[in-house]
Amino acid sequence: MMKTSSDAPTNLTASPATPVMEQPMKRDDERTLAQRGEDAAQTPQRAQAAPMVRFLGVTKRYGALTVLDELDLDVAPNEKVAIIGPSGSGKSTLLRVLMTLDPLTSGMIEVDGEPLTHMRSGGKLVPASPRHLRAVRSKIGMVFQSFNLFPHMTALQNTIEAPIHSLGLARNEAVERARELLSLVGLADKCNHYPSQLSGGQQQRVAIARALAMRPKVMLFDEVTSALDPELCGEVLNVIRRLGEEHNLTMLMVTHQMGFAKDFADRVCFFSQGKIVEQGPPREFFSAPKHERTQQFLRAVREAL
């Protein structure tokens, strides 16, 4: 059975009319978010570059359940961030609200210096319009746990569909780009294969190529190896590693692959109960975790091996 996230119900398609905030922002809230942004900008690890992605006071609730709890997080351009933690800690929800698949309860998200969930109107912040949302969201690509390929389309057709219809690319340009990307993920000889003719690892690599075809600045990976056996898992992780080494992409990756997080990421963030409990460079994080909850989690991971 294919594994799904336990953070929230699965909804794999973002509609242009998807609400990005459940309630309008009040002026006091706007001042609070501005102060949060100033505080984040003054921290040493943020000082060198403006963040590519910024979460400011982000809260997400499902009824009485708080999944993200006033979260503040900056991700620098080209930074590779691994997000780890127990099931239900808010990891996948973080990616879902960034991709606007789920609306925020409160707070704000910025991408590449622009508000994603809000926009300026009449001198104040208001919830983003569908047009604004589409423009900013076009900078983000996401690869899910399940492959979500169109079963009636070949690998090539799956990869050209969105660039033609969403970006307005000419078909010949989209095809050329798709072939380059499928070659990049090691599937140059599978362009005309349908998903049913591909292994799980190959389907996931097509999904990565499809996301890259939209030319995003930010890539999100939501437990992309969870449904794969170890050998196929290695295929997909090698592709992601290559992307990180050869392309200027900011990456947020929810993963249970601790070894990959240690080798690949610039920073590891440990989530528990909707908050970042501890974060830091992988070598320091895994060799000398400071927080008791982090130590407990990593000990459980080691014991399960």
C-alpha atoms as a PDB file:
ATOM      1  CA  MET A   1       0.000   0.000   0.000  1.00  0.00           C
ATOM      2  CA  MET A   2       1.354   3.428  -0.892  1.00  0.00           C
ATOM      3  CA  LYS A   3       2.285   5.586   2.073  1.00  0.00           C
ATOM      4  CA  THR A   4       0.649   8.989   2.459  1.00  0.00           C
ATOM      5  CA  SER A   5       1.365  11.888   4.760  1.00  0.00           C
ATOM      6  CA  SER A   6      -0.276  11.794   8.152  1.00  0.00           C
ATOM      7  CA  ASP A   7      -0.159  15.581   8.572  1.00  0.00           C
ATOM      8  CA  ALA A   8      -3.277  16.288   6.551  1.00  0.00           C
ATOM      9  CA  PRO A   9      -5.744  14.875   4.029  1.00  0.00           C
ATOM     10  CA  THR A  10      -4.151  14.451   0.605  1.00  0.00           C
ATOM     11  CA  ASN A  11      -5.174  16.921  -2.113  1.00  0.00           C
ATOM     12  CA  LEU A  12      -2.771  16.790  -5.005  1.00  0.00           C
ATOM     13  CA  THR A  13      -4.023  19.539  -7.289  1.00  0.00           C
ATOM     14  CA  ALA A  14      -3.876  23.239  -6.512  1.00  0.00           C
ATOM     15  CA  SER A  15      -6.766  25.198  -7.958  1.00  0.00           C
ATOM     16  CA  PRO A  16      -6.181  28.850  -8.970  1.00  0.00           C
ATOM     17  CA  ALA A  17      -9.026  29.719  -6.606  1.00  0.00           C
ATOM     18  CA  THR A  18      -7.464  27.902  -3.658  1.00  0.00           C
ATOM     19  CA  PRO A  19      -7.801  30.147  -0.591  1.00  0.00           C
ATOM     20  CA  VAL A  20      -4.416  31.023   0.834  1.00  0.00           C
ATOM     21  CA  MET A  21      -5.598  32.313   4.186  1.00  0.00           C
ATOM     22  CA  GLU A  22      -8.650  31.403   6.182  1.00  0.00           C
ATOM     23  CA  GLN A  23      -9.155  34.881   7.664  1.00  0.00           C
ATOM     24  CA  PRO A  24      -8.241  38.439   6.506  1.00  0.00           C
ATOM     25  CA  MET A  25      -5.138  39.908   8.100  1.00  0.00           C
ATOM     26  CA  LYS A  26      -5.671  42.530  10.790  1.00  0.00           C
ATOM     27  CA  ARG A  27      -3.393  45.573  11.091  1.00  0.00           C
ATOM     28  CA  ASP A  28      -1.911  44.309  14.376  1.00  0.00           C
ATOM     29  CA  ASP A  29      -1.116  41.018  12.682  1.00  0.00           C
ATOM     30  CA  GLU A  30       0.594  42.888   9.839  1.00  0.00           C
ATOM     31  CA  ARG A  31       2.805  44.791  12.295  1.00  0.00           C
ATOM     32  CA  THR A  32       3.674  41.556  14.103  1.00  0.00           C
ATOM     33  CA  LEU A  33       4.706  39.871  10.856  1.00  0.00           C
ATOM     34  CA  ALA A  34       6.820  42.869   9.868  1.00  0.00           C
ATOM     35  CA  GLN A  35       8.637  42.667  13.206  1.00  0.00           C
ATOM     36  CA  ARG A  36       9.160  38.910  12.760  1.00  0.00           C
ATOM     37  CA  GLY A  37      10.731  39.602   9.381  1.00  0.00           C
ATOM     38  CA  GLU A  38      13.081  42.205  10.858  1.00  0.00           C
ATOM     39  CA  ASP A  39      14.116  39.833  13.649  1.00  0.00           C
ATOM     40  CA  ALA A  40      14.809  37.021  11.181  1.00  0.00           C
ATOM     41  CA  ALA A  41      16.871  39.296   8.955  1.00  0.00           C
ATOM     42  CA  GLN A  42      19.114  40.200  11.904  1.00  0.00           C
ATOM     43  CA  THR A  43      20.060  36.604  12.771  1.00  0.00           C
ATOM     44  CA  PRO A  44      23.601  35.638  11.646  1.00  0.00           C
ATOM     45  CA  GLN A  45      22.580  32.829   9.284  1.00  0.00           C
ATOM     46  CA  ARG A  46      20.217  35.155   7.378  1.00  0.00           C
ATOM     47  CA  ALA A  47      22.562  38.115   7.092  1.00  0.00           C
ATOM     48  CA  GLN A  48      24.328  37.146   3.858  1.00  0.00           C
ATOM     49  CA  ALA A  49      21.371  36.975   1.472  1.00  0.00           C
ATOM     50  CA  ALA A  50      17.693  37.804   1.355  1.00  0.00           C
ATOM     51  CA  PRO A  51      15.691  34.596   1.802  1.00  0.00           C
ATOM     52  CA  MET A  52      14.243  32.809  -1.203  1.00  0.00           C
ATOM     53  CA  VAL A  53      11.467  31.451   1.039  1.00  0.00           C
ATOM     54  CA  ARG A  54      10.240  33.024   4.258  1.00  0.00           C
ATOM     55  CA  PHE A  55       7.596  31.747   6.679  1.00  0.00           C
ATOM     56  CA  LEU A  56       6.418  34.433   9.094  1.00  0.00           C
ATOM     57  CA  GLY A  57       4.245  33.388  12.025  1.00  0.00           C
ATOM     58  CA  VAL A  58       2.683  30.617   9.934  1.00  0.00           C
ATOM     59  CA  THR A  59      -0.068  28.706  11.713  1.00  0.00           C
ATOM     60  CA  LYS A  60      -2.200  25.939  10.268  1.00  0.00           C
ATOM     61  CA  ARG A  61      -5.057  24.307  12.156  1.00  0.00           C
ATOM     62  CA  TYR A  62      -7.476  21.553  11.238  1.00  0.00           C
ATOM     63  CA  GLY A  63     -10.306  22.174  13.672  1.00  0.00           C
ATOM     64  CA  ALA A  64      -8.826  21.948  17.169  1.00  0.00           C
ATOM     65  CA  LEU A  65      -5.603  20.352  15.877  1.00  0.00           C
ATOM     66  CA  THR A  66      -2.678  22.763  15.416  1.00  0.00           C
ATOM     67  CA  VAL A  67      -0.336  21.312  12.787  1.00  0.00           C
ATOM     68  CA  LEU A  68       1.929  24.358  12.331  1.00  0.00           C
ATOM     69  CA  ASP A  69       2.322  26.631  15.337  1.00  0.00           C
ATOM     70  CA  GLU A  70       3.464  30.229  14.605  1.00  0.00           C
ATOM     71  CA  LEU A  71       6.345  28.970  12.503  1.00  0.00           C
ATOM     72  CA  ASP A  72       9.199  31.267  11.469  1.00  0.00           C
ATOM     73  CA  LEU A  73      11.674  29.934   8.901  1.00  0.00           C
ATOM     74  CA  ASP A  74      13.958  31.530   6.316  1.00  0.00           C
ATOM     75  CA  VAL A  75      15.508  29.534   3.479  1.00  0.00           C
ATOM     76  CA  ALA A  76      18.345  31.170   1.560  1.00  0.00           C
ATOM     77  CA  PRO A  77      18.712  31.064  -2.245  1.00  0.00           C
ATOM     78  CA  ASN A  78      20.167  27.713  -3.379  1.00  0.00           C
ATOM     79  CA  GLU A  79      20.013  26.332   0.173  1.00  0.00           C
ATOM     80  CA  LYS A  80      19.146  22.654   0.566  1.00  0.00           C
ATOM     81  CA  VAL A  81      17.035  22.065   3.692  1.00  0.00           C
ATOM     82  CA  ALA A  82      16.124  18.596   4.962  1.00  0.00           C
ATOM     83  CA  ILE A  83      12.988  18.480   7.112  1.00  0.00           C
ATOM     84  CA  ILE A  84      12.748  15.533   9.482  1.00  0.00           C
ATOM     85  CA  GLY A  85      10.590  14.519  12.417  1.00  0.00           C
ATOM     86  CA  PRO A  86       7.918  12.069  13.558  1.00  0.00           C
ATOM     87  CA  SER A  87       4.703  11.502  11.643  1.00  0.00           C
ATOM     88  CA  GLY A  88       2.143  14.233  12.249  1.00  0.00           C
ATOM     89  CA  SER A  89       4.742  16.842  13.234  1.00  0.00           C
ATOM     90  CA  GLY A  90       3.820  19.269  10.432  1.00  0.00           C
ATOM     91  CA  LYS A  91       6.545  18.428   7.902  1.00  0.00           C
ATOM     92  CA  SER A  92       4.361  17.749   4.871  1.00  0.00           C
ATOM     93  CA  THR A  93       1.916  20.480   5.850  1.00  0.00           C
ATOM     94  CA  LEU A  94       4.789  22.977   5.639  1.00  0.00           C
ATOM     95  CA  LEU A  95       5.251  22.061   1.967  1.00  0.00           C
ATOM     96  CA  ARG A  96       1.506  21.983   1.289  1.00  0.00           C
ATOM     97  CA  VAL A  97       0.926  25.530   2.558  1.00  0.00           C
ATOM     98  CA  LEU A  98       3.959  26.735   0.600  1.00  0.00           C
ATOM     99  CA  MET A  99       2.490  25.152  -2.547  1.00  0.00           C
ATOM    100  CA  THR A 100      -0.904  26.706  -1.558  1.00  0.00           C
ATOM    101  CA  LEU A 101      -2.588  23.315  -1.514  1.00  0.00           C
ATOM    102  CA  ASP A 102      -3.871  24.196   1.971  1.00  0.00           C
ATOM    103  CA  PRO A 103      -4.821  27.680   3.227  1.00  0.00           C
ATOM    104  CA  LEU A 104      -3.041  29.244   6.177  1.00  0.00           C
ATOM    105  CA  THR A 105      -4.915  29.858   9.409  1.00  0.00           C
ATOM    106  CA  SER A 106      -2.668  32.856  10.071  1.00  0.00           C
ATOM    107  CA  GLY A 107       0.769  34.209   9.188  1.00  0.00           C
ATOM    108  CA  MET A 108       2.390  34.935   5.857  1.00  0.00           C
ATOM    109  CA  ILE A 109       4.708  33.303   3.316  1.00  0.00           C
ATOM    110  CA  GLU A 110       7.088  35.116   0.966  1.00  0.00           C
ATOM    111  CA  VAL A 111       8.821  33.663  -2.095  1.00  0.00           C
ATOM    112  CA  ASP A 112      11.730  35.421  -3.805  1.00  0.00           C
ATOM    113  CA  GLY A 113      10.975  38.648  -1.951  1.00  0.00           C
ATOM    114  CA  GLU A 114       7.258  38.691  -2.844  1.00  0.00           C
ATOM    115  CA  PRO A 115       4.333  37.833  -0.581  1.00  0.00           C
ATOM    116  CA  LEU A 116       2.800  34.558  -1.731  1.00  0.00           C
ATOM    117  CA  THR A 117      -0.248  34.349   0.436  1.00  0.00           C
ATOM    118  CA  HIS A 118      -0.905  38.109   0.466  1.00  0.00           C
ATOM    119  CA  MET A 119      -0.514  41.183  -1.705  1.00  0.00           C
ATOM    120  CA  ARG A 120      -0.478  44.930  -1.203  1.00  0.00           C
ATOM    121  CA  SER A 121      -3.718  46.764  -1.839  1.00  0.00           C
ATOM    122  CA  GLY A 122      -4.632  50.241  -0.621  1.00  0.00           C
ATOM    123  CA  GLY A 123      -1.508  50.420   1.520  1.00  0.00           C
ATOM    124  CA  LYS A 124      -2.172  47.200   3.439  1.00  0.00           C
ATOM    125  CA  LEU A 125      -1.808  43.461   3.088  1.00  0.00           C
ATOM    126  CA  VAL A 126      -4.822  41.530   1.876  1.00  0.00           C
ATOM    127  CA  PRO A 127      -5.231  37.871   0.864  1.00  0.00           C
ATOM    128  CA  ALA A 128      -3.702  37.218  -2.546  1.00  0.00           C
ATOM    129  CA  SER A 129      -5.862  37.241  -5.663  1.00  0.00           C
ATOM    130  CA  PRO A 130      -5.822  34.155  -7.922  1.00  0.00           C
ATOM    131  CA  ARG A 131      -3.729  36.078 -10.481  1.00  0.00           C
ATOM    132  CA  HIS A 132      -1.107  37.112  -7.918  1.00  0.00           C
ATOM    133  CA  LEU A 133      -1.103  33.622  -6.475  1.00  0.00           C
ATOM    134  CA  ARG A 134      -0.454  31.999  -9.871  1.00  0.00           C
ATOM    135  CA  ALA A 135       2.385  34.413 -10.635  1.00  0.00           C
ATOM    136  CA  VAL A 136       4.285  33.787  -7.405  1.00  0.00           C
ATOM    137  CA  ARG A 137       3.436  30.075  -7.219  1.00  0.00           C
ATOM    138  CA  SER A 138       4.966  29.589 -10.681  1.00  0.00           C
ATOM    139  CA  LYS A 139       8.359  29.862  -8.973  1.00  0.00           C
ATOM    140  CA  ILE A 140       7.703  26.655  -7.009  1.00  0.00           C
ATOM    141  CA  GLY A 141       7.763  23.040  -8.143  1.00  0.00           C
ATOM    142  CA  MET A 142       6.691  20.064  -6.041  1.00  0.00           C
ATOM    143  CA  VAL A 143       7.211  16.315  -6.231  1.00  0.00           C
ATOM    144  CA  PHE A 144       4.850  14.204  -4.142  1.00  0.00           C
ATOM    145  CA  GLN A 145       5.042  10.830  -2.428  1.00  0.00           C
ATOM    146  CA  SER A 146       2.821   9.347  -5.129  1.00  0.00           C
ATOM    147  CA  PHE A 147       3.896   9.974  -8.694  1.00  0.00           C
ATOM    148  CA  ASN A 148       0.619  11.481  -9.983  1.00  0.00           C
ATOM    149  CA  LEU A 149       1.512  10.958 -13.630  1.00  0.00           C
ATOM    150  CA  PHE A 150      -1.272  10.999 -16.212  1.00  0.00           C
ATOM    151  CA  PRO A 151      -1.629   7.280 -17.039  1.00  0.00           C
ATOM    152  CA  HIS A 152      -2.797   7.914 -20.618  1.00  0.00           C
ATOM    153  CA  MET A 153       0.264  10.051 -21.451  1.00  0.00           C
ATOM    154  CA  THR A 154       3.846   9.039 -22.175  1.00  0.00           C
ATOM    155  CA  ALA A 155       6.744  10.308 -20.088  1.00  0.00           C
ATOM    156  CA  LEU A 156       7.355  13.006 -22.692  1.00  0.00           C
ATOM    157  CA  GLN A 157       3.703  14.024 -22.845  1.00  0.00           C
ATOM    158  CA  ASN A 158       3.511  14.218 -19.051  1.00  0.00           C
ATOM    159  CA  THR A 159       6.521  16.541 -19.055  1.00  0.00           C
ATOM    160  CA  ILE A 160       5.326  18.938 -21.791  1.00  0.00           C
ATOM    161  CA  GLU A 161       1.702  19.293 -20.660  1.00  0.00           C
ATOM    162  CA  ALA A 162       2.105  22.034 -18.037  1.00  0.00           C
ATOM    163  CA  PRO A 163       4.719  24.168 -19.879  1.00  0.00           C
ATOM    164  CA  ILE A 164       2.482  24.331 -22.962  1.00  0.00           C
ATOM    165  CA  HIS A 165      -0.774  25.094 -21.151  1.00  0.00           C
ATOM    166  CA  SER A 166       0.506  27.075 -18.145  1.00  0.00           C
ATOM    167  CA  LEU A 167       3.639  28.808 -19.455  1.00  0.00           C
ATOM    168  CA  GLY A 168       2.465  29.141 -23.044  1.00  0.00           C
ATOM    169  CA  LEU A 169       5.570  27.479 -24.488  1.00  0.00           C
ATOM    170  CA  ALA A 170       5.504  26.479 -28.125  1.00  0.00           C
ATOM    171  CA  ARG A 171       5.216  22.726 -28.505  1.00  0.00           C
ATOM    172  CA  ASN A 172       8.616  22.284 -30.151  1.00  0.00           C
ATOM    173  CA  GLU A 173      10.303  24.271 -27.380  1.00  0.00           C
ATOM    174  CA  ALA A 174       8.469  22.288 -24.699  1.00  0.00           C
ATOM    175  CA  VAL A 175       9.439  18.998 -26.331  1.00  0.00           C
ATOM    176  CA  GLU A 176      13.098  20.005 -26.566  1.00  0.00           C
ATOM    177  CA  ARG A 177      13.102  21.048 -22.913  1.00  0.00           C
ATOM    178  CA  ALA A 178      11.333  17.838 -21.859  1.00  0.00           C
ATOM    179  CA  ARG A 179      13.846  15.644 -23.658  1.00  0.00           C
ATOM    180  CA  GLU A 180      16.710  17.473 -21.938  1.00  0.00           C
ATOM    181  CA  LEU A 181      15.112  16.984 -18.537  1.00  0.00           C
ATOM    182  CA  LEU A 182      14.273  13.333 -19.080  1.00  0.00           C
ATOM    183  CA  SER A 183      17.891  12.837 -20.106  1.00  0.00           C
ATOM    184  CA  LEU A 184      18.971  14.673 -16.954  1.00  0.00           C
ATOM    185  CA  VAL A 185      17.050  12.212 -14.779  1.00  0.00           C
ATOM    186  CA  GLY A 186      18.405   9.243 -16.711  1.00  0.00           C
ATOM    187  CA  LEU A 187      15.332   8.487 -18.822  1.00  0.00           C
ATOM    188  CA  ALA A 188      16.344   9.594 -22.309  1.00  0.00           C
ATOM    189  CA  ASP A 189      15.326   6.179 -23.666  1.00  0.00           C
ATOM    190  CA  LYS A 190      11.927   6.187 -21.920  1.00  0.00           C
ATOM    191  CA  CYS A 191      10.336   9.262 -23.514  1.00  0.00           C
ATOM    192  CA  ASN A 192       7.648   7.250 -25.277  1.00  0.00           C
ATOM    193  CA  HIS A 193       6.901   4.884 -22.408  1.00  0.00           C
ATOM    194  CA  TYR A 194       3.633   5.105 -20.476  1.00  0.00           C
ATOM    195  CA  PRO A 195       3.650   5.109 -16.639  1.00  0.00           C
ATOM    196  CA  SER A 196       2.455   1.490 -16.582  1.00  0.00           C
ATOM    197  CA  GLN A 197       5.622   0.553 -18.474  1.00  0.00           C
ATOM    198  CA  LEU A 198       7.921   2.235 -15.937  1.00  0.00           C
ATOM    199  CA  SER A 199       9.161   1.151 -12.526  1.00  0.00           C
ATOM    200  CA  GLY A 200       8.257   3.188  -9.444  1.00  0.00           C
ATOM    201  CA  GLY A 201      11.666   4.828  -9.411  1.00  0.00           C
ATOM    202  CA  GLN A 202      11.383   5.727 -13.085  1.00  0.00           C
ATOM    203  CA  GLN A 203       7.914   7.192 -12.572  1.00  0.00           C
ATOM    204  CA  GLN A 204       9.213   9.331  -9.732  1.00  0.00           C
ATOM    205  CA  ARG A 205      12.044  10.569 -11.938  1.00  0.00           C
ATOM    206  CA  VAL A 206       9.503  11.526 -14.611  1.00  0.00           C
ATOM    207  CA  ALA A 207       7.643  13.450 -11.886  1.00  0.00           C
ATOM    208  CA  ILE A 208      10.865  15.310 -11.050  1.00  0.00           C
ATOM    209  CA  ALA A 209      11.426  16.153 -14.722  1.00  0.00           C
ATOM    210  CA  ARG A 210       7.831  17.357 -14.994  1.00  0.00           C
ATOM    211  CA  ALA A 211       8.271  19.692 -12.023  1.00  0.00           C
ATOM    212  CA  LEU A 212      11.552  21.048 -13.417  1.00  0.00           C
ATOM    213  CA  ALA A 213       9.910  21.719 -16.783  1.00  0.00           C
ATOM    214  CA  MET A 214       8.104  24.654 -15.169  1.00  0.00           C
ATOM    215  CA  ARG A 215      11.504  26.257 -14.460  1.00  0.00           C
ATOM    216  CA  PRO A 216      10.969  26.803 -10.744  1.00  0.00           C
ATOM    217  CA  LYS A 217      13.365  28.553  -8.396  1.00  0.00           C
ATOM    218  CA  VAL A 218      12.198  26.426  -5.454  1.00  0.00           C
ATOM    219  CA  MET A 219      11.741  22.643  -5.444  1.00  0.00           C
ATOM    220  CA  LEU A 220       9.757  20.781  -2.805  1.00  0.00           C
ATOM    221  CA  PHE A 221      10.151  17.041  -2.247  1.00  0.00           C
ATOM    222  CA  ASP A 222       7.581  15.371   0.000  1.00  0.00           C
ATOM    223  CA  GLU A 223       8.898  11.960   1.090  1.00  0.00           C
ATOM    224  CA  VAL A 224       9.486  11.110  -2.563  1.00  0.00           C
ATOM    225  CA  THR A 225      11.129   7.755  -1.766  1.00  0.00           C
ATOM    226  CA  SER A 226       8.591   6.481   0.778  1.00  0.00           C
ATOM    227  CA  ALA A 227       6.772   4.243  -1.718  1.00  0.00           C
ATOM    228  CA  LEU A 228       9.965   2.789  -3.251  1.00  0.00           C
ATOM    229  CA  ASP A 229      12.108  -0.200  -2.410  1.00  0.00           C
ATOM    230  CA  PRO A 230      15.748   0.515  -1.368  1.00  0.00           C
ATOM    231  CA  GLU A 231      17.258   0.052  -4.834  1.00  0.00           C
ATOM    232  CA  LEU A 232      14.757   2.334  -6.544  1.00  0.00           C
ATOM    233  CA  CYS A 233      15.061   4.784  -3.652  1.00  0.00           C
ATOM    234  CA  GLY A 234      18.748   5.134  -4.475  1.00  0.00           C
ATOM    235  CA  GLU A 235      17.948   5.994  -8.108  1.00  0.00           C
ATOM    236  CA  VAL A 236      15.717   8.891  -7.093  1.00  0.00           C
ATOM    237  CA  LEU A 237      18.044  10.221  -4.384  1.00  0.00           C
ATOM    238  CA  ASN A 238      20.943  10.233  -6.852  1.00  0.00           C
ATOM    239  CA  VAL A 239      18.877  12.377  -9.223  1.00  0.00           C
ATOM    240  CA  ILE A 240      18.038  14.829  -6.438  1.00  0.00           C
ATOM    241  CA  ARG A 241      21.694  14.926  -5.394  1.00  0.00           C
ATOM    242  CA  ARG A 242      22.705  15.735  -8.964  1.00  0.00           C
ATOM    243  CA  LEU A 243      20.120  18.509  -9.204  1.00  0.00           C
ATOM    244  CA  GLY A 244      21.491  20.028  -6.029  1.00  0.00           C
ATOM    245  CA  GLU A 245      25.038  19.941  -7.309  1.00  0.00           C
ATOM    246  CA  GLU A 246      24.456  21.162 -10.860  1.00  0.00           C
ATOM    247  CA  HIS A 247      21.523  23.585 -10.680  1.00  0.00           C
ATOM    248  CA  ASN A 248      20.729  26.789  -8.810  1.00  0.00           C
ATOM    249  CA  LEU A 249      17.684  25.512  -6.958  1.00  0.00           C
ATOM    250  CA  THR A 250      16.436  26.132  -3.460  1.00  0.00           C
ATOM    251  CA  MET A 251      15.250  22.795  -2.100  1.00  0.00           C
ATOM    252  CA  LEU A 252      13.053  21.792   0.826  1.00  0.00           C
ATOM    253  CA  MET A 253      12.914  18.047   1.307  1.00  0.00           C
ATOM    254  CA  VAL A 254      10.772  16.141   3.773  1.00  0.00           C
ATOM    255  CA  THR A 255      12.541  12.832   4.272  1.00  0.00           C
ATOM    256  CA  HIS A 256      13.017   9.824   6.521  1.00  0.00           C
ATOM    257  CA  GLN A 257      16.358   9.093   4.849  1.00  0.00           C
ATOM    258  CA  MET A 258      18.732  10.287   7.576  1.00  0.00           C
ATOM    259  CA  GLY A 259      21.867   9.309   5.677  1.00  0.00           C
ATOM    260  CA  PHE A 260      20.793  11.302   2.643  1.00  0.00           C
ATOM    261  CA  ALA A 261      19.876  14.304   4.796  1.00  0.00           C
ATOM    262  CA  LYS A 262      23.313  14.177   6.403  1.00  0.00           C
ATOM    263  CA  ASP A 263      25.175  13.986   3.083  1.00  0.00           C
ATOM    264  CA  PHE A 264      23.011  16.271   0.954  1.00  0.00           C
ATOM    265  CA  ALA A 265      21.497  19.053   3.035  1.00  0.00           C
ATOM    266  CA  ASP A 266      23.028  22.369   4.035  1.00  0.00           C
ATOM    267  CA  ARG A 267      20.718  22.440   7.041  1.00  0.00           C
ATOM    268  CA  VAL A 268      18.499  19.977   8.886  1.00  0.00           C
ATOM    269  CA  CYS A 269      15.306  21.102  10.639  1.00  0.00           C
ATOM    270  CA  PHE A 270      13.719  18.801  13.187  1.00  0.00           C
ATOM    271  CA  PHE A 271       9.959  19.254  13.569  1.00  0.00           C
ATOM    272  CA  SER A 272       7.810  18.203  16.499  1.00  0.00           C
ATOM    273  CA  GLN A 273       4.242  19.282  17.290  1.00  0.00           C
ATOM    274  CA  GLY A 274       4.210  21.940  14.595  1.00  0.00           C
ATOM    275  CA  LYS A 275       7.410  23.680  15.652  1.00  0.00           C
ATOM    276  CA  ILE A 276      11.074  23.566  14.684  1.00  0.00           C
ATOM    277  CA  VAL A 277      12.625  22.117  17.818  1.00  0.00           C
ATOM    278  CA  GLU A 278      16.210  22.168  16.553  1.00  0.00           C
ATOM    279  CA  GLN A 279      18.068  23.032  13.366  1.00  0.00           C
ATOM    280  CA  GLY A 280      21.643  23.228  12.199  1.00  0.00           C
ATOM    281  CA  PRO A 281      24.311  21.948   9.802  1.00  0.00           C
ATOM    282  CA  PRO A 282      24.002  18.177   9.297  1.00  0.00           C
ATOM    283  CA  ARG A 283      27.351  17.227  10.817  1.00  0.00           C
ATOM    284  CA  GLU A 284      26.623  19.165  14.009  1.00  0.00           C
ATOM    285  CA  PHE A 285      22.946  18.187  14.094  1.00  0.00           C
ATOM    286  CA  PHE A 286      23.503  14.438  13.842  1.00  0.00           C
ATOM    287  CA  SER A 287      26.693  14.194  15.904  1.00  0.00           C
ATOM    288  CA  ALA A 288      25.716  16.439  18.814  1.00  0.00           C
ATOM    289  CA  PRO A 289      21.977  17.190  18.966  1.00  0.00           C
ATOM    290  CA  LYS A 290      21.225  19.606  21.790  1.00  0.00           C
ATOM    291  CA  HIS A 291      17.520  19.216  22.444  1.00  0.00           C
ATOM    292  CA  GLU A 292      16.231  16.206  24.386  1.00  0.00           C
ATOM    293  CA  ARG A 293      13.381  15.643  21.913  1.00  0.00           C
ATOM    294  CA  THR A 294      15.856  15.564  19.005  1.00  0.00           C
ATOM    295  CA  GLN A 295      18.063  13.109  20.846  1.00  0.00           C
ATOM    296  CA  GLN A 296      15.062  10.884  21.545  1.00  0.00           C
ATOM    297  CA  PHE A 297      14.001  10.901  17.891  1.00  0.00           C
ATOM    298  CA  LEU A 298      17.459  10.123  16.508  1.00  0.00           C
ATOM    299  CA  ARG A 299      17.924   7.360  19.072  1.00  0.00           C
ATOM    300  CA  ALA A 300      14.652   5.775  17.931  1.00  0.00           C
ATOM    301  CA  VAL A 301      15.771   6.015  14.304  1.00  0.00           C
ATOM    302  CA  ARG A 302      19.066   4.260  15.065  1.00  0.00           C
ATOM    303  CA  GLU A 303      17.330   1.516  17.045  1.00  0.00           C
ATOM    304  CA  ALA A 304      14.966   0.864  14.133  1.00  0.00           C
ATOM    305  CA  LEU A 305      17.835   0.191  11.704  1.00  0.00           C
END
